[in-house]
Amino acid sequence: MSKLISRGPGPGPWISHVRRRSSLLSSRLEEKPFSEMEMSYIKQGEEALQKSLSILGDQDGWKMETEVENGDKVLSKVLPDVGKVFRLEVVVDQPLDAVYSELVDNMEQMGDWNPSVKEVKILQKIGKDTVITHEKAAAPPGNIVGPRDFVSVRCSKRRGSTCVLAGMATQYGAVPEQEGFVRAENGPTCMLLRPLPGRPSQTKLTWLLSIDLKGWLPKTIINQVLAQTQVDFAKHLRQRLARTA
């Protein structure tokens, strides 16, 4: 896997490798005694992963939205079947295991350190890779967007030195739309984690963000909020990891 990562700047080879390995895992999951509903969630998670990797694998058409002095940058492109998607690219001065643990193992603690998240709750675990979550977003400054919540299926895969955390909106009967919140939709979305070649104490994080916030909101406001959300996420993640290291 490290050889695949170091061949060049484009993510094509290692994305193809993860995609193949993920497909093999899907075929093996078919053999396990999951219920029909559980299998549908597993397949949704796989679909989110495949779509996300396909989007990130296409390097054409990305435009710079913002770049921070420390090198963090957010790019975007418009896809005909998805809409506008955003891509955060940052380097975190922590090893991959620490970043993975915070984002996956400690997922429900995200509201403790990320001001844009009010609460993350795991509703159901399916196998070792798939979970259903309910997330309440905190209102941004000025409350220009208003309270949103999300019900998502999330899929985490770890292949050698590459981790993929993917997700998309789903239906979950136990959590209908709630009063005071607009039910927004994620996806496809994912985070890719890789150690920097030759520097295992640092992790390259790429976050593909695709959200339909619903409601009547000007596109200029949506674009500004989403790009800033990604920049702020990187800042607060670093602070969290520095405290827990």
C-alpha atoms as a PDB file:
ATOM      1  CA  MET A   1       0.000   0.000   0.000  1.00  0.00           C
ATOM      2  CA  SER A   2       2.826   2.432   0.807  1.00  0.00           C
ATOM      3  CA  LYS A   3       4.211   1.865  -2.678  1.00  0.00           C
ATOM      4  CA  LEU A   4       0.867   2.748  -4.193  1.00  0.00           C
ATOM      5  CA  ILE A   5       0.676   5.941  -2.157  1.00  0.00           C
ATOM      6  CA  SER A   6       4.164   7.133  -3.077  1.00  0.00           C
ATOM      7  CA  ARG A   7       3.890   6.751  -6.821  1.00  0.00           C
ATOM      8  CA  GLY A   8       2.604  10.216  -7.484  1.00  0.00           C
ATOM      9  CA  PRO A   9       0.432  13.114  -6.370  1.00  0.00           C
ATOM     10  CA  GLY A  10      -2.801  11.732  -7.781  1.00  0.00           C
ATOM     11  CA  PRO A  11      -4.865   9.354  -5.633  1.00  0.00           C
ATOM     12  CA  GLY A  12      -5.802   7.040  -8.502  1.00  0.00           C
ATOM     13  CA  PRO A  13      -3.727   3.873  -7.746  1.00  0.00           C
ATOM     14  CA  TRP A  14      -4.434   3.598  -4.026  1.00  0.00           C
ATOM     15  CA  ILE A  15      -8.087   4.580  -4.463  1.00  0.00           C
ATOM     16  CA  SER A  16      -8.444   1.744  -6.971  1.00  0.00           C
ATOM     17  CA  HIS A  17      -6.787  -0.629  -4.503  1.00  0.00           C
ATOM     18  CA  VAL A  18      -9.135   0.342  -1.671  1.00  0.00           C
ATOM     19  CA  ARG A  19     -12.119   0.103  -4.003  1.00  0.00           C
ATOM     20  CA  ARG A  20     -11.163  -3.441  -5.057  1.00  0.00           C
ATOM     21  CA  ARG A  21     -10.578  -4.571  -1.491  1.00  0.00           C
ATOM     22  CA  SER A  22     -13.863  -3.016  -0.409  1.00  0.00           C
ATOM     23  CA  SER A  23     -15.747  -4.857  -3.145  1.00  0.00           C
ATOM     24  CA  LEU A  24     -14.186  -8.143  -2.036  1.00  0.00           C
ATOM     25  CA  LEU A  25     -15.284  -7.454   1.513  1.00  0.00           C
ATOM     26  CA  SER A  26     -18.819  -6.737   0.316  1.00  0.00           C
ATOM     27  CA  SER A  27     -19.028 -10.126  -1.365  1.00  0.00           C
ATOM     28  CA  ARG A  28     -17.904 -11.807   1.852  1.00  0.00           C
ATOM     29  CA  LEU A  29     -20.449  -9.866   3.868  1.00  0.00           C
ATOM     30  CA  GLU A  30     -23.167 -11.384   1.716  1.00  0.00           C
ATOM     31  CA  GLU A  31     -22.369 -14.721   3.344  1.00  0.00           C
ATOM     32  CA  LYS A  32     -22.914 -13.509   6.922  1.00  0.00           C
ATOM     33  CA  PRO A  33     -26.278 -13.877   8.667  1.00  0.00           C
ATOM     34  CA  PHE A  34     -27.347 -10.244   8.565  1.00  0.00           C
ATOM     35  CA  SER A  35     -31.010  -9.370   8.238  1.00  0.00           C
ATOM     36  CA  GLU A  36     -32.321  -7.935   4.976  1.00  0.00           C
ATOM     37  CA  MET A  37     -32.475  -4.462   6.540  1.00  0.00           C
ATOM     38  CA  GLU A  38     -28.943  -4.737   7.912  1.00  0.00           C
ATOM     39  CA  MET A  39     -27.668  -5.828   4.506  1.00  0.00           C
ATOM     40  CA  SER A  40     -29.345  -2.819   2.917  1.00  0.00           C
ATOM     41  CA  TYR A  41     -27.489  -0.504   5.314  1.00  0.00           C
ATOM     42  CA  ILE A  42     -24.189  -2.279   4.637  1.00  0.00           C
ATOM     43  CA  LYS A  43     -24.749  -1.864   0.899  1.00  0.00           C
ATOM     44  CA  GLN A  44     -25.606   1.817   1.362  1.00  0.00           C
ATOM     45  CA  GLY A  45     -22.331   2.316   3.209  1.00  0.00           C
ATOM     46  CA  GLU A  46     -20.465   0.556   0.421  1.00  0.00           C
ATOM     47  CA  GLU A  47     -22.229   2.716  -2.144  1.00  0.00           C
ATOM     48  CA  ALA A  48     -21.180   5.861  -0.275  1.00  0.00           C
ATOM     49  CA  LEU A  49     -17.599   4.620  -0.211  1.00  0.00           C
ATOM     50  CA  GLN A  50     -17.524   3.759  -3.921  1.00  0.00           C
ATOM     51  CA  LYS A  51     -19.111   7.050  -4.995  1.00  0.00           C
ATOM     52  CA  SER A  52     -16.818   9.084  -2.770  1.00  0.00           C
ATOM     53  CA  LEU A  53     -13.677   7.380  -4.044  1.00  0.00           C
ATOM     54  CA  SER A  54     -14.857   7.864  -7.607  1.00  0.00           C
ATOM     55  CA  ILE A  55     -15.316  11.604  -7.009  1.00  0.00           C
ATOM     56  CA  LEU A  56     -11.928  11.994  -5.344  1.00  0.00           C
ATOM     57  CA  GLY A  57     -10.273   9.900  -8.042  1.00  0.00           C
ATOM     58  CA  ASP A  58     -11.204  12.452 -10.710  1.00  0.00           C
ATOM     59  CA  GLN A  59      -8.674  15.280 -10.412  1.00  0.00           C
ATOM     60  CA  ASP A  60     -10.243  17.484 -13.095  1.00  0.00           C
ATOM     61  CA  GLY A  61     -12.430  20.502 -12.436  1.00  0.00           C
ATOM     62  CA  TRP A  62     -11.538  21.289  -8.831  1.00  0.00           C
ATOM     63  CA  LYS A  63     -11.404  25.012  -7.978  1.00  0.00           C
ATOM     64  CA  MET A  64      -9.817  26.620  -4.933  1.00  0.00           C
ATOM     65  CA  GLU A  65     -12.353  27.928  -2.406  1.00  0.00           C
ATOM     66  CA  THR A  66      -9.973  28.970   0.357  1.00  0.00           C
ATOM     67  CA  GLU A  67      -6.410  28.378   1.528  1.00  0.00           C
ATOM     68  CA  VAL A  68      -5.094  28.987   5.025  1.00  0.00           C
ATOM     69  CA  GLU A  69      -1.562  30.139   5.867  1.00  0.00           C
ATOM     70  CA  ASN A  70      -0.712  26.751   7.382  1.00  0.00           C
ATOM     71  CA  GLY A  71      -1.413  25.035   4.048  1.00  0.00           C
ATOM     72  CA  ASP A  72      -4.950  23.815   4.743  1.00  0.00           C
ATOM     73  CA  LYS A  73      -7.090  24.246   1.655  1.00  0.00           C
ATOM     74  CA  VAL A  74     -10.657  23.702   0.526  1.00  0.00           C
ATOM     75  CA  LEU A  75     -11.457  22.986  -3.125  1.00  0.00           C
ATOM     76  CA  SER A  76     -14.813  22.476  -4.809  1.00  0.00           C
ATOM     77  CA  LYS A  77     -16.431  21.250  -7.994  1.00  0.00           C
ATOM     78  CA  VAL A  78     -19.973  20.851  -9.280  1.00  0.00           C
ATOM     79  CA  LEU A  79     -21.161  17.372 -10.240  1.00  0.00           C
ATOM     80  CA  PRO A  80     -24.280  16.922 -12.378  1.00  0.00           C
ATOM     81  CA  ASP A  81     -25.800  14.168 -10.236  1.00  0.00           C
ATOM     82  CA  VAL A  82     -24.637  15.395  -6.816  1.00  0.00           C
ATOM     83  CA  GLY A  83     -24.321  19.175  -6.887  1.00  0.00           C
ATOM     84  CA  LYS A  84     -21.458  21.129  -5.377  1.00  0.00           C
ATOM     85  CA  VAL A  85     -18.953  19.114  -3.351  1.00  0.00           C
ATOM     86  CA  PHE A  86     -16.089  20.366  -1.204  1.00  0.00           C
ATOM     87  CA  ARG A  87     -12.687  18.792  -0.562  1.00  0.00           C
ATOM     88  CA  LEU A  88     -10.558  19.644   2.447  1.00  0.00           C
ATOM     89  CA  GLU A  89      -6.861  18.759   2.314  1.00  0.00           C
ATOM     90  CA  VAL A  90      -4.774  19.064   5.483  1.00  0.00           C
ATOM     91  CA  VAL A  91      -1.773  17.532   7.219  1.00  0.00           C
ATOM     92  CA  VAL A  92      -2.181  16.736  10.911  1.00  0.00           C
ATOM     93  CA  ASP A  93       0.896  16.416  13.165  1.00  0.00           C
ATOM     94  CA  GLN A  94      -0.371  13.188  14.710  1.00  0.00           C
ATOM     95  CA  PRO A  95       0.030   9.534  13.652  1.00  0.00           C
ATOM     96  CA  LEU A  96      -2.783   7.893  11.729  1.00  0.00           C
ATOM     97  CA  ASP A  97      -3.859   5.674  14.638  1.00  0.00           C
ATOM     98  CA  ALA A  98      -4.563   8.707  16.819  1.00  0.00           C
ATOM     99  CA  VAL A  99      -6.606  10.447  14.116  1.00  0.00           C
ATOM    100  CA  TYR A 100      -8.525   7.271  13.259  1.00  0.00           C
ATOM    101  CA  SER A 101      -9.333   6.611  16.907  1.00  0.00           C
ATOM    102  CA  GLU A 102     -10.691  10.111  17.398  1.00  0.00           C
ATOM    103  CA  LEU A 103     -12.859  10.087  14.283  1.00  0.00           C
ATOM    104  CA  VAL A 104     -14.125   6.494  14.494  1.00  0.00           C
ATOM    105  CA  ASP A 105     -13.724   5.007  17.986  1.00  0.00           C
ATOM    106  CA  ASN A 106     -14.596   8.291  19.731  1.00  0.00           C
ATOM    107  CA  MET A 107     -17.184   9.445  17.204  1.00  0.00           C
ATOM    108  CA  GLU A 108     -19.823  10.219  19.839  1.00  0.00           C
ATOM    109  CA  GLN A 109     -17.440  12.646  21.575  1.00  0.00           C
ATOM    110  CA  MET A 110     -17.167  14.916  18.533  1.00  0.00           C
ATOM    111  CA  GLY A 111     -19.608  17.406  20.037  1.00  0.00           C
ATOM    112  CA  ASP A 112     -17.123  17.953  22.875  1.00  0.00           C
ATOM    113  CA  TRP A 113     -14.513  19.527  20.613  1.00  0.00           C
ATOM    114  CA  ASN A 114     -16.142  20.466  17.298  1.00  0.00           C
ATOM    115  CA  PRO A 115     -18.288  23.608  17.722  1.00  0.00           C
ATOM    116  CA  SER A 116     -20.216  22.873  14.515  1.00  0.00           C
ATOM    117  CA  VAL A 117     -21.526  19.607  16.013  1.00  0.00           C
ATOM    118  CA  LYS A 118     -23.994  19.594  18.883  1.00  0.00           C
ATOM    119  CA  GLU A 119     -24.301  15.829  19.253  1.00  0.00           C
ATOM    120  CA  VAL A 120     -23.423  12.560  17.502  1.00  0.00           C
ATOM    121  CA  LYS A 121     -25.230   9.423  18.604  1.00  0.00           C
ATOM    122  CA  ILE A 122     -24.689   5.894  17.302  1.00  0.00           C
ATOM    123  CA  LEU A 123     -28.130   4.379  16.764  1.00  0.00           C
ATOM    124  CA  GLN A 124     -27.073   0.934  15.584  1.00  0.00           C
ATOM    125  CA  LYS A 125     -23.885  -1.005  14.872  1.00  0.00           C
ATOM    126  CA  ILE A 126     -23.919  -3.538  12.036  1.00  0.00           C
ATOM    127  CA  GLY A 127     -20.897  -5.790  11.902  1.00  0.00           C
ATOM    128  CA  LYS A 128     -17.529  -4.197  12.513  1.00  0.00           C
ATOM    129  CA  ASP A 129     -17.584  -1.594   9.726  1.00  0.00           C
ATOM    130  CA  THR A 130     -21.079  -0.071   9.564  1.00  0.00           C
ATOM    131  CA  VAL A 131     -23.022   2.182  11.944  1.00  0.00           C
ATOM    132  CA  ILE A 132     -26.193   4.267  11.754  1.00  0.00           C
ATOM    133  CA  THR A 133     -25.818   7.693  13.373  1.00  0.00           C
ATOM    134  CA  HIS A 134     -27.945  10.677  14.295  1.00  0.00           C
ATOM    135  CA  GLU A 135     -26.095  13.980  14.259  1.00  0.00           C
ATOM    136  CA  LYS A 136     -27.362  17.342  15.409  1.00  0.00           C
ATOM    137  CA  ALA A 137     -25.489  20.283  13.940  1.00  0.00           C
ATOM    138  CA  ALA A 138     -24.846  23.360  16.048  1.00  0.00           C
ATOM    139  CA  ALA A 139     -26.139  26.631  14.608  1.00  0.00           C
ATOM    140  CA  PRO A 140     -23.330  28.641  12.973  1.00  0.00           C
ATOM    141  CA  PRO A 141     -22.545  32.191  14.155  1.00  0.00           C
ATOM    142  CA  GLY A 142     -25.536  34.442  13.586  1.00  0.00           C
ATOM    143  CA  ASN A 143     -27.743  31.365  13.127  1.00  0.00           C
ATOM    144  CA  ILE A 144     -27.870  32.130   9.413  1.00  0.00           C
ATOM    145  CA  VAL A 145     -28.603  28.497   8.529  1.00  0.00           C
ATOM    146  CA  GLY A 146     -30.677  27.279  11.471  1.00  0.00           C
ATOM    147  CA  PRO A 147     -30.718  23.919  13.302  1.00  0.00           C
ATOM    148  CA  ARG A 148     -30.104  20.881  11.102  1.00  0.00           C
ATOM    149  CA  ASP A 149     -29.912  17.199  11.888  1.00  0.00           C
ATOM    150  CA  PHE A 150     -28.758  14.177   9.894  1.00  0.00           C
ATOM    151  CA  VAL A 151     -29.415  10.452   9.943  1.00  0.00           C
ATOM    152  CA  SER A 152     -26.590   8.668   8.146  1.00  0.00           C
ATOM    153  CA  VAL A 153     -25.124   5.267   7.468  1.00  0.00           C
ATOM    154  CA  ARG A 154     -21.353   5.300   7.976  1.00  0.00           C
ATOM    155  CA  CYS A 155     -18.821   2.791   6.744  1.00  0.00           C
ATOM    156  CA  SER A 156     -15.196   2.597   7.915  1.00  0.00           C
ATOM    157  CA  LYS A 157     -12.540   0.567   6.095  1.00  0.00           C
ATOM    158  CA  ARG A 158      -8.900   0.181   6.979  1.00  0.00           C
ATOM    159  CA  ARG A 159      -6.533  -1.319   4.422  1.00  0.00           C
ATOM    160  CA  GLY A 160      -2.896  -1.268   5.400  1.00  0.00           C
ATOM    161  CA  SER A 161      -1.854   2.352   5.852  1.00  0.00           C
ATOM    162  CA  THR A 162      -4.995   3.819   4.264  1.00  0.00           C
ATOM    163  CA  CYS A 163      -8.283   4.450   6.076  1.00  0.00           C
ATOM    164  CA  VAL A 164     -11.577   5.419   4.460  1.00  0.00           C
ATOM    165  CA  LEU A 165     -14.525   6.723   6.478  1.00  0.00           C
ATOM    166  CA  ALA A 166     -17.548   7.098   4.207  1.00  0.00           C
ATOM    167  CA  GLY A 167     -21.208   7.945   4.710  1.00  0.00           C
ATOM    168  CA  MET A 168     -24.498   9.047   3.217  1.00  0.00           C
ATOM    169  CA  ALA A 169     -28.036   9.907   4.309  1.00  0.00           C
ATOM    170  CA  THR A 170     -30.369   7.048   5.130  1.00  0.00           C
ATOM    171  CA  GLN A 171     -33.822   6.337   6.560  1.00  0.00           C
ATOM    172  CA  TYR A 172     -34.144   5.039  10.127  1.00  0.00           C
ATOM    173  CA  GLY A 173     -37.645   4.572  11.449  1.00  0.00           C
ATOM    174  CA  ALA A 174     -36.724   5.060  15.106  1.00  0.00           C
ATOM    175  CA  VAL A 175     -35.616   8.657  14.415  1.00  0.00           C
ATOM    176  CA  PRO A 176     -38.251  10.541  12.405  1.00  0.00           C
ATOM    177  CA  GLU A 177     -37.876  14.244  11.642  1.00  0.00           C
ATOM    178  CA  GLN A 178     -37.739  16.201  14.873  1.00  0.00           C
ATOM    179  CA  GLU A 179     -39.422  19.433  15.861  1.00  0.00           C
ATOM    180  CA  GLY A 180     -37.058  22.394  15.733  1.00  0.00           C
ATOM    181  CA  PHE A 181     -34.668  20.750  13.239  1.00  0.00           C
ATOM    182  CA  VAL A 182     -34.578  20.602   9.461  1.00  0.00           C
ATOM    183  CA  ARG A 183     -33.612  17.087   8.340  1.00  0.00           C
ATOM    184  CA  ALA A 184     -30.647  17.675   6.008  1.00  0.00           C
ATOM    185  CA  GLU A 185     -28.892  14.987   3.978  1.00  0.00           C
ATOM    186  CA  ASN A 186     -25.260  13.921   3.763  1.00  0.00           C
ATOM    187  CA  GLY A 187     -23.581  12.249   0.930  1.00  0.00           C
ATOM    188  CA  PRO A 188     -21.812  10.808  -0.545  1.00  0.00           C
ATOM    189  CA  THR A 189     -19.111  11.974   1.835  1.00  0.00           C
ATOM    190  CA  CYS A 190     -15.879  10.507   3.148  1.00  0.00           C
ATOM    191  CA  MET A 191     -12.602  11.113   4.931  1.00  0.00           C
ATOM    192  CA  LEU A 192      -9.352   9.550   3.736  1.00  0.00           C
ATOM    193  CA  LEU A 193      -6.460   9.129   6.146  1.00  0.00           C
ATOM    194  CA  ARG A 194      -2.918   8.284   5.070  1.00  0.00           C
ATOM    195  CA  PRO A 195       0.456   8.692   6.782  1.00  0.00           C
ATOM    196  CA  LEU A 196       2.742  11.119   5.010  1.00  0.00           C
ATOM    197  CA  PRO A 197       5.380   9.145   3.055  1.00  0.00           C
ATOM    198  CA  GLY A 198       8.534   9.015   5.162  1.00  0.00           C
ATOM    199  CA  ARG A 199       6.824  10.814   8.062  1.00  0.00           C
ATOM    200  CA  PRO A 200       4.636   8.320   9.936  1.00  0.00           C
ATOM    201  CA  SER A 201       4.063  10.804  12.768  1.00  0.00           C
ATOM    202  CA  GLN A 202       1.993  12.966  10.385  1.00  0.00           C
ATOM    203  CA  THR A 203      -1.315  12.164   8.694  1.00  0.00           C
ATOM    204  CA  LYS A 204      -2.732  13.476   5.432  1.00  0.00           C
ATOM    205  CA  LEU A 205      -6.486  13.967   5.801  1.00  0.00           C
ATOM    206  CA  THR A 206      -8.758  14.513   2.810  1.00  0.00           C
ATOM    207  CA  TRP A 207     -12.428  15.229   3.538  1.00  0.00           C
ATOM    208  CA  LEU A 208     -15.003  15.078   0.761  1.00  0.00           C
ATOM    209  CA  LEU A 209     -18.107  16.950   1.902  1.00  0.00           C
ATOM    210  CA  SER A 210     -21.451  16.790   0.112  1.00  0.00           C
ATOM    211  CA  ILE A 211     -24.524  18.134   1.935  1.00  0.00           C
ATOM    212  CA  ASP A 212     -28.042  19.095   0.990  1.00  0.00           C
ATOM    213  CA  LEU A 213     -29.029  21.475   3.802  1.00  0.00           C
ATOM    214  CA  LYS A 214     -32.644  21.645   2.603  1.00  0.00           C
ATOM    215  CA  GLY A 215     -34.783  24.709   3.154  1.00  0.00           C
ATOM    216  CA  TRP A 216     -34.603  28.038   1.327  1.00  0.00           C
ATOM    217  CA  LEU A 217     -30.992  29.159   1.569  1.00  0.00           C
ATOM    218  CA  PRO A 218     -28.975  31.265  -0.902  1.00  0.00           C
ATOM    219  CA  LYS A 219     -26.180  29.258  -2.519  1.00  0.00           C
ATOM    220  CA  THR A 220     -23.633  31.915  -1.599  1.00  0.00           C
ATOM    221  CA  ILE A 221     -24.412  31.427   2.094  1.00  0.00           C
ATOM    222  CA  ILE A 222     -24.336  27.635   1.797  1.00  0.00           C
ATOM    223  CA  ASN A 223     -20.966  27.681   0.043  1.00  0.00           C
ATOM    224  CA  GLN A 224     -19.486  30.044   2.614  1.00  0.00           C
ATOM    225  CA  VAL A 225     -20.754  28.028   5.563  1.00  0.00           C
ATOM    226  CA  LEU A 226     -19.608  24.640   4.244  1.00  0.00           C
ATOM    227  CA  ALA A 227     -16.115  25.802   3.276  1.00  0.00           C
ATOM    228  CA  GLN A 228     -15.647  27.504   6.660  1.00  0.00           C
ATOM    229  CA  THR A 229     -16.979  24.407   8.435  1.00  0.00           C
ATOM    230  CA  GLN A 230     -14.191  22.340   6.900  1.00  0.00           C
ATOM    231  CA  VAL A 231     -11.471  24.847   7.791  1.00  0.00           C
ATOM    232  CA  ASP A 232     -12.751  25.088  11.368  1.00  0.00           C
ATOM    233  CA  PHE A 233     -12.948  21.293  11.641  1.00  0.00           C
ATOM    234  CA  ALA A 234      -9.224  20.960  10.876  1.00  0.00           C
ATOM    235  CA  LYS A 235      -8.346  23.581  13.482  1.00  0.00           C
ATOM    236  CA  HIS A 236     -10.445  22.005  16.225  1.00  0.00           C
ATOM    237  CA  LEU A 237      -9.301  18.473  15.367  1.00  0.00           C
ATOM    238  CA  ARG A 238      -5.687  19.529  15.827  1.00  0.00           C
ATOM    239  CA  GLN A 239      -6.506  21.114  19.178  1.00  0.00           C
ATOM    240  CA  ARG A 240      -8.336  17.974  20.306  1.00  0.00           C
ATOM    241  CA  LEU A 241      -5.506  15.661  19.287  1.00  0.00           C
ATOM    242  CA  ALA A 242      -2.923  17.891  20.977  1.00  0.00           C
ATOM    243  CA  ARG A 243      -4.875  17.682  24.251  1.00  0.00           C
ATOM    244  CA  THR A 244      -5.329  13.913  24.122  1.00  0.00           C
ATOM    245  CA  ALA A 245      -1.886  12.961  22.755  1.00  0.00           C
END
